[in-house]
């Protein structure tokens, strides 16, 4: 039996790049496979100056990549996890929560609009308990992970 998810169990790994997946309006689910396309660590994912996920989710054209790939549409969800963790941090534009890593890893890569897959992500997000939901803002990392 796996341990229940908790923010207290989240530990950043300074030199380990987390896995990263994103859902956009016209690009339902993609994962970054190359290390050079991944965040350096969780701190970098939430606090980097130009390409953090808060900017990507909350600002149209909020980071360099979203500007270069406008055809993907607005970013709807982002997930970060380590391959050996029980958890994945799943974020929508206003909130972050913890979900089961295996559920996120099982999502099929879908390089086109797929409202059913986006609805599956929304259902996964909504199935997380309210105690695990946290406001996604500039203080998120320091208040929940650091």
N, C-alpha and C. Protein backbone atom coordinates (compact mmCIF):
# COMPACT_ATOMS: atom_id res chain seq x y z
N UNK A 1 0.84 -1.18 0.00
CA UNK A 1 0.00 0.00 0.00
C UNK A 1 0.89 1.24 0.00
N UNK A 2 0.55 2.23 -0.81
CA UNK A 2 1.34 3.45 -0.87
C UNK A 2 0.94 4.39 0.25
N UNK A 3 1.87 5.26 0.59
CA UNK A 3 1.60 6.26 1.62
C UNK A 3 0.65 7.31 1.07
N UNK A 4 -0.18 7.89 1.93
CA UNK A 4 -1.02 8.98 1.44
C UNK A 4 -0.15 10.16 1.02
N UNK A 5 -0.62 10.88 0.04
CA UNK A 5 0.14 12.02 -0.46
C UNK A 5 0.11 13.15 0.55
N UNK A 6 1.25 13.85 0.68
CA UNK A 6 1.31 15.02 1.57
C UNK A 6 2.41 15.95 1.08
N UNK A 7 2.20 17.23 1.28
CA UNK A 7 3.20 18.21 0.89
C UNK A 7 4.48 18.05 1.71
N UNK A 8 4.38 17.53 2.91
CA UNK A 8 5.55 17.34 3.75
C UNK A 8 6.52 16.32 3.14
N UNK A 9 6.03 15.45 2.28
CA UNK A 9 6.89 14.43 1.67
C UNK A 9 7.61 14.93 0.41
N UNK A 10 7.26 16.12 -0.06
CA UNK A 10 7.88 16.65 -1.28
C UNK A 10 9.26 17.21 -0.94
N UNK A 11 10.27 16.68 -1.58
CA UNK A 11 11.62 17.18 -1.40
C UNK A 11 12.21 17.49 -2.76
N UNK A 12 12.70 18.70 -2.90
CA UNK A 12 13.37 19.09 -4.13
C UNK A 12 14.72 18.39 -4.18
N UNK A 13 15.17 18.10 -5.35
CA UNK A 13 16.47 17.46 -5.54
C UNK A 13 17.31 18.39 -6.39
N UNK A 14 18.29 18.98 -5.77
CA UNK A 14 19.05 20.06 -6.39
C UNK A 14 19.59 19.72 -7.78
N UNK A 15 20.09 18.53 -7.96
CA UNK A 15 20.72 18.16 -9.24
C UNK A 15 19.96 17.10 -10.01
N UNK A 16 18.65 17.00 -9.78
CA UNK A 16 17.83 16.03 -10.48
C UNK A 16 16.70 16.77 -11.18
N UNK A 17 16.63 16.62 -12.48
CA UNK A 17 15.59 17.29 -13.25
C UNK A 17 14.27 16.52 -13.11
N UNK A 18 13.22 17.20 -12.69
CA UNK A 18 11.93 16.50 -12.58
C UNK A 18 11.33 16.25 -13.96
N UNK A 19 10.51 15.23 -14.04
CA UNK A 19 9.73 15.00 -15.24
C UNK A 19 8.72 16.13 -15.35
N UNK A 20 8.31 16.43 -16.58
CA UNK A 20 7.46 17.60 -16.82
C UNK A 20 6.48 17.29 -17.94
N UNK A 21 5.22 17.53 -17.70
CA UNK A 21 4.19 17.39 -18.73
C UNK A 21 3.30 18.61 -18.74
N UNK A 22 2.75 18.93 -19.91
CA UNK A 22 1.89 20.09 -20.04
C UNK A 22 0.71 19.79 -20.95
N UNK A 23 -0.40 20.41 -20.64
CA UNK A 23 -1.61 20.30 -21.44
C UNK A 23 -2.00 21.69 -21.92
N UNK A 24 -2.21 21.81 -23.21
CA UNK A 24 -2.61 23.07 -23.84
C UNK A 24 -3.93 22.85 -24.57
N UNK A 25 -4.60 23.92 -24.89
CA UNK A 25 -5.88 23.83 -25.59
C UNK A 25 -5.77 23.00 -26.86
N UNK A 26 -4.76 23.24 -27.67
CA UNK A 26 -4.63 22.55 -28.96
C UNK A 26 -3.53 21.49 -28.99
N UNK A 27 -3.04 21.11 -27.84
CA UNK A 27 -1.96 20.13 -27.73
C UNK A 27 -2.20 19.45 -26.39
N UNK A 28 -3.08 18.46 -26.38
CA UNK A 28 -3.69 17.97 -25.14
C UNK A 28 -2.69 17.48 -24.09
N UNK A 29 -1.62 16.79 -24.48
CA UNK A 29 -0.65 16.34 -23.47
C UNK A 29 0.69 16.08 -24.13
N UNK A 30 1.70 16.69 -23.58
CA UNK A 30 3.05 16.47 -24.05
C UNK A 30 3.97 16.38 -22.84
N UNK A 31 5.02 15.61 -23.00
CA UNK A 31 6.04 15.52 -21.97
C UNK A 31 7.36 15.95 -22.57
N UNK A 32 8.17 16.57 -21.74
CA UNK A 32 9.53 16.90 -22.14
C UNK A 32 10.39 15.67 -21.89
N UNK A 33 10.99 15.14 -22.92
CA UNK A 33 11.80 13.94 -22.80
C UNK A 33 13.29 14.25 -22.67
N UNK A 34 13.75 15.31 -23.33
CA UNK A 34 15.17 15.64 -23.31
C UNK A 34 15.49 16.44 -22.05
N UNK A 35 16.59 16.08 -21.39
CA UNK A 35 16.98 16.80 -20.17
C UNK A 35 17.14 18.28 -20.40
N UNK A 36 17.62 18.67 -21.57
CA UNK A 36 17.83 20.09 -21.85
C UNK A 36 16.51 20.86 -21.93
N UNK A 37 15.40 20.16 -22.05
CA UNK A 37 14.08 20.80 -22.11
C UNK A 37 13.33 20.73 -20.78
N UNK A 38 13.95 20.16 -19.79
CA UNK A 38 13.33 20.03 -18.47
C UNK A 38 13.85 21.12 -17.53
N UNK A 39 13.10 21.39 -16.49
CA UNK A 39 13.56 22.30 -15.45
C UNK A 39 14.72 21.66 -14.70
N UNK A 40 15.61 22.49 -14.15
CA UNK A 40 16.76 21.99 -13.42
C UNK A 40 16.35 21.27 -12.14
N UNK A 41 15.30 21.75 -11.48
CA UNK A 41 14.77 21.16 -10.25
C UNK A 41 13.41 21.82 -10.00
N UNK A 42 12.77 21.49 -8.91
CA UNK A 42 11.45 22.07 -8.62
C UNK A 42 11.55 23.57 -8.37
N UNK A 43 12.60 24.00 -7.69
CA UNK A 43 12.76 25.44 -7.45
C UNK A 43 12.83 26.20 -8.77
N UNK A 44 13.60 25.70 -9.70
CA UNK A 44 13.73 26.33 -11.01
C UNK A 44 12.38 26.33 -11.73
N UNK A 45 11.60 25.28 -11.59
CA UNK A 45 10.30 25.20 -12.25
C UNK A 45 9.35 26.29 -11.77
N UNK A 46 9.40 26.59 -10.49
CA UNK A 46 8.46 27.56 -9.94
C UNK A 46 9.02 28.97 -9.82
N UNK A 47 10.36 29.12 -9.83
CA UNK A 47 10.93 30.44 -9.56
C UNK A 47 11.85 30.99 -10.65
N UNK A 48 12.12 30.24 -11.71
CA UNK A 48 13.02 30.79 -12.73
C UNK A 48 12.43 32.09 -13.30
N UNK A 49 13.30 32.99 -13.66
CA UNK A 49 12.87 34.33 -14.06
C UNK A 49 12.01 34.32 -15.32
N UNK A 50 12.40 33.58 -16.34
CA UNK A 50 11.73 33.67 -17.63
C UNK A 50 10.77 32.54 -17.98
N UNK A 51 11.01 31.35 -17.48
CA UNK A 51 10.23 30.20 -17.93
C UNK A 51 9.57 29.41 -16.81
N UNK A 52 9.16 30.06 -15.75
CA UNK A 52 8.55 29.29 -14.67
C UNK A 52 7.10 28.93 -15.01
N UNK A 53 6.60 27.90 -14.35
CA UNK A 53 5.28 27.40 -14.71
C UNK A 53 4.15 28.33 -14.26
N UNK A 54 4.39 29.14 -13.25
CA UNK A 54 3.35 30.10 -12.85
C UNK A 54 3.11 31.08 -14.00
N UNK A 55 4.18 31.59 -14.58
CA UNK A 55 4.05 32.51 -15.73
C UNK A 55 3.40 31.80 -16.91
N UNK A 56 3.81 30.58 -17.18
CA UNK A 56 3.26 29.84 -18.31
C UNK A 56 1.75 29.65 -18.16
N UNK A 57 1.31 29.30 -16.96
CA UNK A 57 -0.12 29.06 -16.74
C UNK A 57 -0.94 30.33 -16.61
N UNK A 58 -0.37 31.39 -16.08
CA UNK A 58 -1.17 32.56 -15.74
C UNK A 58 -1.08 33.72 -16.72
N UNK A 59 -0.15 33.68 -17.65
CA UNK A 59 0.02 34.80 -18.58
C UNK A 59 0.05 34.29 -20.01
N UNK A 60 -0.83 34.81 -20.84
CA UNK A 60 -0.81 34.47 -22.25
C UNK A 60 0.54 34.90 -22.81
N UNK A 61 1.26 33.98 -23.43
CA UNK A 61 2.61 34.28 -23.90
C UNK A 61 3.55 34.52 -22.74
N UNK A 62 3.27 33.86 -21.60
CA UNK A 62 3.97 34.14 -20.36
C UNK A 62 5.41 33.71 -20.29
N UNK A 63 5.85 32.84 -21.18
CA UNK A 63 7.26 32.50 -21.19
C UNK A 63 7.74 32.36 -22.63
N UNK A 64 9.02 32.18 -22.79
CA UNK A 64 9.62 32.15 -24.12
C UNK A 64 9.02 31.04 -24.97
N UNK A 65 8.87 29.86 -24.40
CA UNK A 65 8.34 28.74 -25.19
C UNK A 65 6.90 28.96 -25.63
N UNK A 66 6.08 29.52 -24.77
CA UNK A 66 4.68 29.75 -25.17
C UNK A 66 4.60 30.78 -26.29
N UNK A 67 5.50 31.74 -26.30
CA UNK A 67 5.54 32.73 -27.38
C UNK A 67 5.96 32.07 -28.69
N UNK A 68 6.91 31.15 -28.61
CA UNK A 68 7.39 30.47 -29.81
C UNK A 68 6.42 29.44 -30.36
N UNK A 69 5.49 28.98 -29.55
CA UNK A 69 4.55 27.93 -29.96
C UNK A 69 3.12 28.35 -29.68
N UNK A 70 2.74 29.51 -30.17
CA UNK A 70 1.40 30.05 -29.92
C UNK A 70 0.30 29.14 -30.44
N UNK A 71 0.59 28.32 -31.45
CA UNK A 71 -0.43 27.42 -32.00
C UNK A 71 -0.91 26.36 -31.00
N UNK A 72 -0.16 26.13 -29.94
CA UNK A 72 -0.60 25.18 -28.92
C UNK A 72 -1.78 25.71 -28.13
N UNK A 73 -1.92 27.02 -28.06
CA UNK A 73 -3.00 27.63 -27.29
C UNK A 73 -2.60 27.78 -25.83
N UNK A 74 -3.52 28.28 -25.05
CA UNK A 74 -3.28 28.50 -23.63
C UNK A 74 -2.91 27.20 -22.93
N UNK A 75 -2.04 27.32 -21.96
CA UNK A 75 -1.67 26.18 -21.12
C UNK A 75 -2.76 25.98 -20.08
N UNK A 76 -3.22 24.74 -19.96
CA UNK A 76 -4.32 24.41 -19.04
C UNK A 76 -3.84 23.72 -17.77
N UNK A 77 -2.92 22.80 -17.90
CA UNK A 77 -2.38 22.03 -16.78
C UNK A 77 -0.90 21.79 -16.98
N UNK A 78 -0.18 21.70 -15.88
CA UNK A 78 1.22 21.31 -15.88
C UNK A 78 1.41 20.32 -14.74
N UNK A 79 2.24 19.31 -14.98
CA UNK A 79 2.58 18.35 -13.93
C UNK A 79 4.09 18.21 -13.86
N UNK A 80 4.58 18.06 -12.63
CA UNK A 80 6.00 17.82 -12.35
C UNK A 80 6.09 16.66 -11.38
N UNK A 81 7.08 15.80 -11.56
CA UNK A 81 7.27 14.68 -10.67
C UNK A 81 8.66 14.09 -10.87
N UNK A 82 9.09 13.31 -9.89
CA UNK A 82 10.32 12.54 -10.04
C UNK A 82 9.91 11.10 -10.36
N UNK A 83 10.67 10.42 -11.21
CA UNK A 83 10.26 9.08 -11.66
C UNK A 83 10.07 8.06 -10.54
N UNK A 84 10.72 8.27 -9.40
CA UNK A 84 10.60 7.31 -8.30
C UNK A 84 9.70 7.83 -7.17
N UNK A 85 8.99 8.92 -7.41
CA UNK A 85 8.12 9.47 -6.37
C UNK A 85 6.73 8.84 -6.46
N UNK A 86 5.98 8.94 -5.37
CA UNK A 86 4.57 8.52 -5.38
C UNK A 86 3.70 9.62 -5.95
N UNK A 87 4.16 10.84 -5.88
CA UNK A 87 3.38 12.04 -6.18
C UNK A 87 3.76 12.69 -7.51
N UNK A 88 2.81 13.47 -7.99
CA UNK A 88 3.06 14.43 -9.05
C UNK A 88 2.38 15.72 -8.60
N UNK A 89 3.02 16.84 -8.84
CA UNK A 89 2.41 18.14 -8.57
C UNK A 89 1.66 18.52 -9.84
N UNK A 90 0.34 18.61 -9.74
CA UNK A 90 -0.50 18.96 -10.87
C UNK A 90 -1.05 20.36 -10.65
N UNK A 91 -0.83 21.23 -11.63
CA UNK A 91 -1.21 22.64 -11.49
C UNK A 91 -2.18 23.04 -12.60
N UNK A 92 -3.17 23.83 -12.22
CA UNK A 92 -3.97 24.55 -13.20
C UNK A 92 -3.56 26.02 -13.05
N UNK A 93 -4.18 26.96 -13.72
CA UNK A 93 -3.69 28.34 -13.63
C UNK A 93 -3.74 28.99 -12.25
N UNK A 94 -4.52 28.47 -11.33
CA UNK A 94 -4.63 29.13 -10.02
C UNK A 94 -4.22 28.26 -8.83
N UNK A 95 -4.14 26.95 -9.04
CA UNK A 95 -4.00 26.04 -7.91
C UNK A 95 -3.06 24.90 -8.26
N UNK A 96 -2.33 24.43 -7.24
CA UNK A 96 -1.50 23.24 -7.36
C UNK A 96 -2.02 22.20 -6.38
N UNK A 97 -1.90 20.95 -6.75
CA UNK A 97 -2.30 19.87 -5.85
C UNK A 97 -1.38 18.68 -6.10
N UNK A 98 -1.51 17.69 -5.26
CA UNK A 98 -0.76 16.45 -5.43
C UNK A 98 -1.69 15.36 -5.93
N UNK A 99 -1.19 14.60 -6.89
CA UNK A 99 -1.94 13.45 -7.43
C UNK A 99 -0.96 12.29 -7.56
N UNK A 100 -1.48 11.13 -7.83
CA UNK A 100 -0.67 9.94 -7.99
C UNK A 100 0.19 10.04 -9.25
N UNK A 101 1.47 9.86 -9.10
CA UNK A 101 2.41 9.95 -10.23
C UNK A 101 2.02 9.01 -11.36
N UNK A 102 1.64 7.79 -11.04
CA UNK A 102 1.33 6.81 -12.08
C UNK A 102 0.17 7.25 -12.95
N UNK A 103 -0.79 7.98 -12.38
CA UNK A 103 -1.92 8.47 -13.17
C UNK A 103 -1.45 9.48 -14.21
N UNK A 104 -0.50 10.31 -13.84
CA UNK A 104 0.04 11.31 -14.77
C UNK A 104 0.90 10.62 -15.83
N UNK A 105 1.73 9.68 -15.42
CA UNK A 105 2.59 9.00 -16.37
C UNK A 105 1.80 8.17 -17.38
N UNK A 106 0.60 7.76 -17.02
CA UNK A 106 -0.22 6.94 -17.91
C UNK A 106 -0.92 7.75 -19.01
N UNK A 107 -0.89 9.06 -18.92
CA UNK A 107 -1.57 9.88 -19.92
C UNK A 107 -0.89 9.71 -21.28
N UNK A 108 -1.68 9.51 -22.33
CA UNK A 108 -1.09 9.34 -23.66
C UNK A 108 -0.66 10.69 -24.25
N UNK A 109 0.49 10.69 -24.92
CA UNK A 109 0.94 11.88 -25.63
C UNK A 109 -0.08 12.17 -26.72
N UNK A 110 -0.60 13.37 -26.74
CA UNK A 110 -1.64 13.75 -27.69
C UNK A 110 -1.33 15.13 -28.24
N UNK A 111 -0.83 15.17 -29.46
CA UNK A 111 -0.34 16.41 -30.05
C UNK A 111 -1.42 17.14 -30.85
N UNK A 112 -2.63 17.08 -30.36
CA UNK A 112 -3.75 17.78 -30.98
C UNK A 112 -4.78 18.07 -29.90
N UNK A 113 -5.78 18.82 -30.24
CA UNK A 113 -6.84 19.11 -29.29
C UNK A 113 -7.55 17.81 -28.94
N UNK A 114 -7.77 17.59 -27.66
CA UNK A 114 -8.47 16.40 -27.19
C UNK A 114 -9.19 16.77 -25.90
N UNK A 115 -10.42 17.19 -26.03
CA UNK A 115 -11.19 17.66 -24.89
C UNK A 115 -11.43 16.56 -23.86
N UNK A 116 -11.51 15.30 -24.30
CA UNK A 116 -11.69 14.19 -23.36
C UNK A 116 -10.46 14.01 -22.49
N UNK A 117 -9.28 14.12 -23.08
CA UNK A 117 -8.06 13.99 -22.28
C UNK A 117 -7.94 15.15 -21.30
N UNK A 118 -8.27 16.36 -21.74
CA UNK A 118 -8.24 17.51 -20.84
C UNK A 118 -9.25 17.30 -19.72
N UNK A 119 -10.40 16.75 -20.04
CA UNK A 119 -11.39 16.48 -18.99
C UNK A 119 -10.87 15.42 -18.02
N UNK A 120 -10.10 14.45 -18.51
CA UNK A 120 -9.48 13.45 -17.61
C UNK A 120 -8.50 14.12 -16.66
N UNK A 121 -7.72 15.06 -17.17
CA UNK A 121 -6.80 15.81 -16.31
C UNK A 121 -7.58 16.62 -15.27
N UNK A 122 -8.65 17.26 -15.71
CA UNK A 122 -9.48 18.05 -14.79
C UNK A 122 -10.08 17.15 -13.70
N UNK A 123 -10.54 15.97 -14.10
CA UNK A 123 -11.10 15.03 -13.12
C UNK A 123 -10.03 14.56 -12.14
N UNK A 124 -8.82 14.28 -12.63
CA UNK A 124 -7.72 13.89 -11.76
C UNK A 124 -7.43 15.01 -10.78
N UNK A 125 -7.36 16.23 -11.27
CA UNK A 125 -7.12 17.39 -10.42
C UNK A 125 -8.22 17.50 -9.36
N UNK A 126 -9.46 17.42 -9.79
CA UNK A 126 -10.60 17.59 -8.88
C UNK A 126 -10.73 16.45 -7.87
N UNK A 127 -10.19 15.28 -8.20
CA UNK A 127 -10.28 14.14 -7.28
C UNK A 127 -9.32 14.27 -6.10
N UNK A 128 -8.37 15.18 -6.21
CA UNK A 128 -7.43 15.41 -5.12
C UNK A 128 -8.16 16.07 -3.96
N UNK A 129 -7.82 15.69 -2.75
CA UNK A 129 -8.53 16.23 -1.59
C UNK A 129 -8.25 17.73 -1.43
N UNK A 130 -9.19 18.42 -0.86
CA UNK A 130 -9.06 19.87 -0.67
C UNK A 130 -7.87 20.21 0.23
N UNK A 131 -7.49 19.31 1.13
CA UNK A 131 -6.34 19.56 2.01
C UNK A 131 -5.03 19.62 1.24
N UNK A 132 -4.99 19.07 0.02
CA UNK A 132 -3.77 19.07 -0.78
C UNK A 132 -3.70 20.24 -1.75
N UNK A 133 -4.75 20.98 -1.89
CA UNK A 133 -4.77 22.09 -2.85
C UNK A 133 -4.12 23.33 -2.24
N UNK A 134 -3.27 23.97 -3.06
CA UNK A 134 -2.54 25.16 -2.64
C UNK A 134 -2.64 26.23 -3.72
N UNK A 135 -2.68 27.48 -3.29
CA UNK A 135 -2.71 28.58 -4.25
C UNK A 135 -1.40 28.61 -5.03
N UNK A 136 -1.51 28.75 -6.34
CA UNK A 136 -0.33 28.83 -7.20
C UNK A 136 -0.01 30.29 -7.44
N UNK A 137 1.07 30.75 -6.80
CA UNK A 137 1.49 32.14 -6.93
C UNK A 137 3.00 32.20 -6.75
N UNK A 138 3.55 33.39 -6.70
CA UNK A 138 5.00 33.56 -6.57
C UNK A 138 5.59 33.02 -5.28
N UNK A 139 4.77 32.79 -4.27
CA UNK A 139 5.23 32.27 -2.98
C UNK A 139 5.03 30.76 -2.87
N UNK A 140 4.46 30.14 -3.88
CA UNK A 140 4.11 28.73 -3.79
C UNK A 140 5.29 27.86 -3.37
N UNK A 141 6.42 27.99 -4.06
CA UNK A 141 7.58 27.13 -3.76
C UNK A 141 8.03 27.30 -2.32
N UNK A 142 8.22 28.53 -1.88
CA UNK A 142 8.74 28.75 -0.52
C UNK A 142 7.75 28.31 0.54
N UNK A 143 6.47 28.39 0.28
CA UNK A 143 5.47 28.03 1.28
C UNK A 143 5.16 26.53 1.32
N UNK A 144 5.45 25.80 0.24
CA UNK A 144 5.01 24.41 0.19
C UNK A 144 6.10 23.39 -0.06
N UNK A 145 7.25 23.82 -0.58
CA UNK A 145 8.29 22.85 -0.93
C UNK A 145 9.61 23.14 -0.24
N UNK A 146 10.05 24.38 -0.26
CA UNK A 146 11.38 24.73 0.26
C UNK A 146 11.53 24.39 1.72
